[in-house]
C-alpha atoms as a PDB file:
ATOM      1  CA  UNK A   1       0.000   0.000   0.000  1.00  0.00           C
ATOM      2  CA  UNK A   2       1.310   3.438  -0.864  1.00  0.00           C
ATOM      3  CA  UNK A   3       2.455   5.805   1.868  1.00  0.00           C
ATOM      4  CA  UNK A   4      -0.020   8.517   0.769  1.00  0.00           C
ATOM      5  CA  UNK A   5      -2.901   6.066   1.044  1.00  0.00           C
ATOM      6  CA  UNK A   6      -1.850   5.083   4.571  1.00  0.00           C
ATOM      7  CA  UNK A   7      -1.528   8.748   5.531  1.00  0.00           C
ATOM      8  CA  UNK A   8      -4.996   9.510   4.154  1.00  0.00           C
ATOM      9  CA  UNK A   9      -6.436   6.568   6.060  1.00  0.00           C
ATOM     10  CA  UNK A  10      -4.794   7.835   9.263  1.00  0.00           C
ATOM     11  CA  UNK A  11      -6.426  11.240   8.718  1.00  0.00           C
ATOM     12  CA  UNK A  12      -9.818   9.673   8.032  1.00  0.00           C
ATOM     13  CA  UNK A  13      -9.556   7.457  11.110  1.00  0.00           C
ATOM     14  CA  UNK A  14      -8.833  10.476  13.309  1.00  0.00           C
ATOM     15  CA  UNK A  15     -11.807  12.322  11.919  1.00  0.00           C
ATOM     16  CA  UNK A  16     -14.009   9.250  12.279  1.00  0.00           C
ATOM     17  CA  UNK A  17     -12.972   8.901  15.925  1.00  0.00           C
ATOM     18  CA  UNK A  18     -13.850  12.551  16.558  1.00  0.00           C
ATOM     19  CA  UNK A  19     -17.202  12.410  14.713  1.00  0.00           C
ATOM     20  CA  UNK A  20     -19.520  14.211  14.791  1.00  0.00           C
ATOM     21  CA  UNK A  21     -17.047  16.850  15.969  1.00  0.00           C
ATOM     22  CA  UNK A  22     -14.632  18.453  13.518  1.00  0.00           C
ATOM     23  CA  UNK A  23     -10.897  18.887  14.065  1.00  0.00           C
ATOM     24  CA  UNK A  24      -8.415  21.635  13.157  1.00  0.00           C
ATOM     25  CA  UNK A  25      -5.341  20.886  11.038  1.00  0.00           C
ATOM     26  CA  UNK A  26      -2.989  21.303  14.029  1.00  0.00           C
ATOM     27  CA  UNK A  27      -4.734  18.467  15.865  1.00  0.00           C
ATOM     28  CA  UNK A  28      -4.658  16.287  12.753  1.00  0.00           C
ATOM     29  CA  UNK A  29      -0.945  16.991  12.322  1.00  0.00           C
ATOM     30  CA  UNK A  30      -0.265  15.812  15.888  1.00  0.00           C
ATOM     31  CA  UNK A  31      -2.281  12.677  15.178  1.00  0.00           C
ATOM     32  CA  UNK A  32      -0.429  11.764  11.998  1.00  0.00           C
ATOM     33  CA  UNK A  33       2.874  12.335  13.780  1.00  0.00           C
ATOM     34  CA  UNK A  34       1.691   9.965  16.545  1.00  0.00           C
ATOM     35  CA  UNK A  35       0.808   7.446  13.806  1.00  0.00           C
ATOM     36  CA  UNK A  36       4.432   7.573  12.606  1.00  0.00           C
ATOM     37  CA  UNK A  37       4.207   9.999   9.685  1.00  0.00           C
ATOM     38  CA  UNK A  38       6.818  12.747   9.706  1.00  0.00           C
ATOM     39  CA  UNK A  39       5.216  15.398   7.526  1.00  0.00           C
ATOM     40  CA  UNK A  40       5.004  19.172   7.602  1.00  0.00           C
ATOM     41  CA  UNK A  41       1.781  21.169   7.814  1.00  0.00           C
ATOM     42  CA  UNK A  42       1.997  22.052   4.099  1.00  0.00           C
ATOM     43  CA  UNK A  43       1.921  18.342   3.168  1.00  0.00           C
ATOM     44  CA  UNK A  44      -1.008  17.761   5.524  1.00  0.00           C
ATOM     45  CA  UNK A  45      -2.962  20.623   3.962  1.00  0.00           C
ATOM     46  CA  UNK A  46      -2.333  19.092   0.527  1.00  0.00           C
ATOM     47  CA  UNK A  47      -3.759  15.763   1.729  1.00  0.00           C
ATOM     48  CA  UNK A  48      -6.755  17.499   3.329  1.00  0.00           C
ATOM     49  CA  UNK A  49      -7.478  19.259   0.034  1.00  0.00           C
ATOM     50  CA  UNK A  50      -7.246  15.910  -1.795  1.00  0.00           C
ATOM     51  CA  UNK A  51      -9.666  14.254   0.643  1.00  0.00           C
ATOM     52  CA  UNK A  52     -12.061  17.210   0.268  1.00  0.00           C
ATOM     53  CA  UNK A  53     -11.881  16.973  -3.524  1.00  0.00           C
ATOM     54  CA  UNK A  54     -12.730  13.264  -3.271  1.00  0.00           C
ATOM     55  CA  UNK A  55     -15.687  14.048  -1.007  1.00  0.00           C
ATOM     56  CA  UNK A  56     -14.310  11.969   1.877  1.00  0.00           C
ATOM     57  CA  UNK A  57     -14.029  14.941   4.229  1.00  0.00           C
ATOM     58  CA  UNK A  58     -15.432  18.430   4.337  1.00  0.00           C
ATOM     59  CA  UNK A  59     -13.887  21.593   5.665  1.00  0.00           C
ATOM     60  CA  UNK A  60     -15.559  24.634   7.105  1.00  0.00           C
ATOM     61  CA  UNK A  61     -14.548  27.937   8.628  1.00  0.00           C
ATOM     62  CA  UNK A  62     -16.375  28.875  11.842  1.00  0.00           C
ATOM     63  CA  UNK A  63     -18.007  32.299  11.975  1.00  0.00           C
ATOM     64  CA  UNK A  64     -16.445  33.062  15.345  1.00  0.00           C
ATOM     65  CA  UNK A  65     -12.823  32.499  14.315  1.00  0.00           C
ATOM     66  CA  UNK A  66     -12.223  32.363  10.551  1.00  0.00           C
ATOM     67  CA  UNK A  67      -8.596  31.327  11.123  1.00  0.00           C
ATOM     68  CA  UNK A  68      -9.782  28.091  12.793  1.00  0.00           C
ATOM     69  CA  UNK A  69     -10.610  26.002   9.703  1.00  0.00           C
ATOM     70  CA  UNK A  70     -11.976  22.626  10.768  1.00  0.00           C
ATOM     71  CA  UNK A  71     -12.420  19.267   9.053  1.00  0.00           C
ATOM     72  CA  UNK A  72     -14.837  16.354   9.491  1.00  0.00           C
ATOM     73  CA  UNK A  73     -15.414  12.995   7.845  1.00  0.00           C
ATOM     74  CA  UNK A  74     -18.351  12.770   5.424  1.00  0.00           C
ATOM     75  CA  UNK A  75     -20.712   9.844   4.862  1.00  0.00           C
ATOM     76  CA  UNK A  76     -18.579   8.915   1.843  1.00  0.00           C
ATOM     77  CA  UNK A  77     -15.475   8.927   4.045  1.00  0.00           C
ATOM     78  CA  UNK A  78     -17.199   6.725   6.601  1.00  0.00           C
ATOM     79  CA  UNK A  79     -18.283   4.348   3.824  1.00  0.00           C
ATOM     80  CA  UNK A  80     -14.690   4.190   2.553  1.00  0.00           C
ATOM     81  CA  UNK A  81     -13.411   3.270   6.012  1.00  0.00           C
ATOM     82  CA  UNK A  82     -16.143   0.633   6.355  1.00  0.00           C
ATOM     83  CA  UNK A  83     -15.315  -0.861   2.936  1.00  0.00           C
ATOM     84  CA  UNK A  84     -11.640  -1.070   3.882  1.00  0.00           C
ATOM     85  CA  UNK A  85     -12.495  -2.833   7.126  1.00  0.00           C
ATOM     86  CA  UNK A  86     -10.980  -0.023   9.171  1.00  0.00           C
ATOM     87  CA  UNK A  87     -13.900   0.578  11.518  1.00  0.00           C
ATOM     88  CA  UNK A  88     -15.477  -1.666  14.065  1.00  0.00           C
END
């Protein structure tokens, strides 16, 4: 399995664990580091954009603090995790 695919799965699993709550990129970056991926925030943002484009996650900017962009898993992302046998 490709490294990018494993990284994307790690992101999706974090978001699935937090559901229905959304998470900021900083929290996701800490999680992927804990999962063994040594990436920079720029690389994480690229992967988040990819997952958004695929419809597996969605991002939103809260009205209260526009600098606090947050991300959550979509139904399609949950289905992907289920199909891969990654959820219980």
